[in-house]
Amino acid sequence: MRVEFVDQLPPKRPGRGSDAFMEEFAAALRRRPGVWAKWPTPIQASTAGGYTTKILKGVFPAFPSGFDATSRNGQLYVRYVGRRVADGRA
C-alpha cells in the first residue's frame, strides 16, 4: 500500500458549505427577519435534514441562535427570527 503524506492541506474551495457562502446567506436572512428562504443551492434530501438540525442547534457559525430551519420534500428552508423559535413553524 502506498501512503501519501502531505505537509499542508490544500485550501478549501468556496461552495455551498463554505463559511463565506453561509455568512452571505445568513446576512441576507437577517435583512428580512421572519421570512422563509429556500437554501440557495441544490442539496440532497438527506443533507437538507442534516442542515436543518445543525442550523436549529447553532452548529454552523454563520447560523447561531436566532435562526429557524425546516425541511419539506427534500428542500431546506431557513429564516431569521431574532431568537430561538420554540414551535409554531409556518
C-alpha atoms as a PDB file:
ATOM      1  CA  MET A   1       0.000   0.000   0.000  1.00  0.00           C
ATOM      2  CA  ARG A   2       1.280   3.441  -0.912  1.00  0.00           C
ATOM      3  CA  VAL A   3       0.532   6.205   1.593  1.00  0.00           C
ATOM      4  CA  GLU A   4       0.993   9.830   0.562  1.00  0.00           C
ATOM      5  CA  PHE A   5       1.697  12.227   3.409  1.00  0.00           C
ATOM      6  CA  VAL A   6       1.317  15.987   2.996  1.00  0.00           C
ATOM      7  CA  ASP A   7       2.801  18.907   4.888  1.00  0.00           C
ATOM      8  CA  GLN A   8      -0.294  21.084   4.457  1.00  0.00           C
ATOM      9  CA  LEU A   9      -3.893  20.659   3.414  1.00  0.00           C
ATOM     10  CA  PRO A  10      -4.940  22.420   0.232  1.00  0.00           C
ATOM     11  CA  PRO A  11      -7.187  25.467   0.662  1.00  0.00           C
ATOM     12  CA  LYS A  12     -10.925  24.845   0.753  1.00  0.00           C
ATOM     13  CA  ARG A  13     -12.833  25.686  -2.379  1.00  0.00           C
ATOM     14  CA  PRO A  14     -15.757  28.055  -1.822  1.00  0.00           C
ATOM     15  CA  GLY A  15     -19.026  26.233  -2.203  1.00  0.00           C
ATOM     16  CA  ARG A  16     -22.400  25.620  -0.667  1.00  0.00           C
ATOM     17  CA  GLY A  17     -20.924  24.651   2.699  1.00  0.00           C
ATOM     18  CA  SER A  18     -18.197  27.281   2.859  1.00  0.00           C
ATOM     19  CA  ASP A  19     -18.089  29.853   5.636  1.00  0.00           C
ATOM     20  CA  ALA A  20     -18.290  32.748   3.158  1.00  0.00           C
ATOM     21  CA  PHE A  21     -21.311  31.244   1.404  1.00  0.00           C
ATOM     22  CA  MET A  22     -23.159  30.649   4.681  1.00  0.00           C
ATOM     23  CA  GLU A  23     -22.265  34.097   6.062  1.00  0.00           C
ATOM     24  CA  GLU A  24     -23.630  35.732   2.912  1.00  0.00           C
ATOM     25  CA  PHE A  25     -26.866  33.723   3.082  1.00  0.00           C
ATOM     26  CA  ALA A  26     -27.275  34.417   6.832  1.00  0.00           C
ATOM     27  CA  ALA A  27     -26.756  38.142   6.231  1.00  0.00           C
ATOM     28  CA  ALA A  28     -29.495  38.136   3.584  1.00  0.00           C
ATOM     29  CA  LEU A  29     -31.871  36.403   6.015  1.00  0.00           C
ATOM     30  CA  ARG A  30     -31.130  38.969   8.725  1.00  0.00           C
ATOM     31  CA  ARG A  31     -32.207  41.723   6.326  1.00  0.00           C
ATOM     32  CA  ARG A  32     -35.676  40.109   6.061  1.00  0.00           C
ATOM     33  CA  PRO A  33     -36.493  38.703   9.514  1.00  0.00           C
ATOM     34  CA  GLY A  34     -39.310  36.199   9.734  1.00  0.00           C
ATOM     35  CA  VAL A  35     -39.369  35.443   6.001  1.00  0.00           C
ATOM     36  CA  TRP A  36     -38.597  31.890   4.874  1.00  0.00           C
ATOM     37  CA  ALA A  37     -35.979  31.442   2.149  1.00  0.00           C
ATOM     38  CA  LYS A  38     -35.018  28.356   0.185  1.00  0.00           C
ATOM     39  CA  TRP A  39     -31.447  27.163   0.553  1.00  0.00           C
ATOM     40  CA  PRO A  40     -29.863  28.811  -2.482  1.00  0.00           C
ATOM     41  CA  THR A  41     -28.018  25.811  -3.908  1.00  0.00           C
ATOM     42  CA  PRO A  42     -29.205  22.289  -4.703  1.00  0.00           C
ATOM     43  CA  ILE A  43     -28.643  19.757  -1.922  1.00  0.00           C
ATOM     44  CA  GLN A  44     -29.712  16.167  -1.398  1.00  0.00           C
ATOM     45  CA  ALA A  45     -32.773  15.468   0.737  1.00  0.00           C
ATOM     46  CA  SER A  46     -30.647  13.766   3.410  1.00  0.00           C
ATOM     47  CA  THR A  47     -28.375  16.819   3.524  1.00  0.00           C
ATOM     48  CA  ALA A  48     -31.390  19.113   3.935  1.00  0.00           C
ATOM     49  CA  GLY A  49     -32.435  17.196   7.046  1.00  0.00           C
ATOM     50  CA  GLY A  50     -28.931  17.300   8.492  1.00  0.00           C
ATOM     51  CA  TYR A  51     -28.547  21.019   7.796  1.00  0.00           C
ATOM     52  CA  THR A  52     -31.921  21.651   9.456  1.00  0.00           C
ATOM     53  CA  THR A  53     -30.699  20.060  12.670  1.00  0.00           C
ATOM     54  CA  LYS A  54     -27.344  21.868  12.567  1.00  0.00           C
ATOM     55  CA  ILE A  55     -28.976  25.253  11.980  1.00  0.00           C
ATOM     56  CA  LEU A  56     -31.505  24.729  14.783  1.00  0.00           C
ATOM     57  CA  LYS A  57     -28.712  23.731  17.182  1.00  0.00           C
ATOM     58  CA  GLY A  58     -26.478  26.630  16.134  1.00  0.00           C
ATOM     59  CA  VAL A  59     -23.697  24.315  14.955  1.00  0.00           C
ATOM     60  CA  PHE A  60     -22.812  26.405  11.891  1.00  0.00           C
ATOM     61  CA  PRO A  61     -21.020  29.618  12.990  1.00  0.00           C
ATOM     62  CA  ALA A  62     -22.994  31.638  10.415  1.00  0.00           C
ATOM     63  CA  PHE A  63     -26.290  30.487  11.982  1.00  0.00           C
ATOM     64  CA  PRO A  64     -26.132  30.994  15.753  1.00  0.00           C
ATOM     65  CA  SER A  65     -29.253  31.156  17.890  1.00  0.00           C
ATOM     66  CA  GLY A  66     -31.947  33.169  16.167  1.00  0.00           C
ATOM     67  CA  PHE A  67     -32.376  31.112  13.016  1.00  0.00           C
ATOM     68  CA  ASP A  68     -35.158  28.651  12.277  1.00  0.00           C
ATOM     69  CA  ALA A  69     -34.962  25.889   9.691  1.00  0.00           C
ATOM     70  CA  THR A  70     -37.181  23.166   8.317  1.00  0.00           C
ATOM     71  CA  SER A  71     -37.059  20.631   5.523  1.00  0.00           C
ATOM     72  CA  ARG A  72     -40.062  19.954   3.312  1.00  0.00           C
ATOM     73  CA  ASN A  73     -39.993  17.446   0.459  1.00  0.00           C
ATOM     74  CA  GLY A  74     -36.192  17.457   0.425  1.00  0.00           C
ATOM     75  CA  GLN A  75     -35.940  21.258   0.242  1.00  0.00           C
ATOM     76  CA  LEU A  76     -34.302  23.229   3.053  1.00  0.00           C
ATOM     77  CA  TYR A  77     -35.960  26.466   4.220  1.00  0.00           C
ATOM     78  CA  VAL A  78     -34.336  28.899   6.640  1.00  0.00           C
ATOM     79  CA  ARG A  79     -35.427  32.152   8.279  1.00  0.00           C
ATOM     80  CA  TYR A  80     -34.031  34.600  10.786  1.00  0.00           C
ATOM     81  CA  VAL A  81     -36.318  35.277  13.730  1.00  0.00           C
ATOM     82  CA  GLY A  82     -34.003  37.100  16.122  1.00  0.00           C
ATOM     83  CA  ARG A  83     -34.334  34.480  18.817  1.00  0.00           C
ATOM     84  CA  ARG A  84     -34.774  30.722  19.031  1.00  0.00           C
ATOM     85  CA  VAL A  85     -38.207  29.579  17.850  1.00  0.00           C
ATOM     86  CA  ALA A  86     -39.654  27.005  20.230  1.00  0.00           C
ATOM     87  CA  ASP A  87     -42.529  25.957  17.992  1.00  0.00           C
ATOM     88  CA  GLY A  88     -45.157  27.384  15.688  1.00  0.00           C
ATOM     89  CA  ARG A  89     -43.342  26.971  12.396  1.00  0.00           C
ATOM     90  CA  ALA A  90     -45.366  28.223   9.472  1.00  0.00           C
END
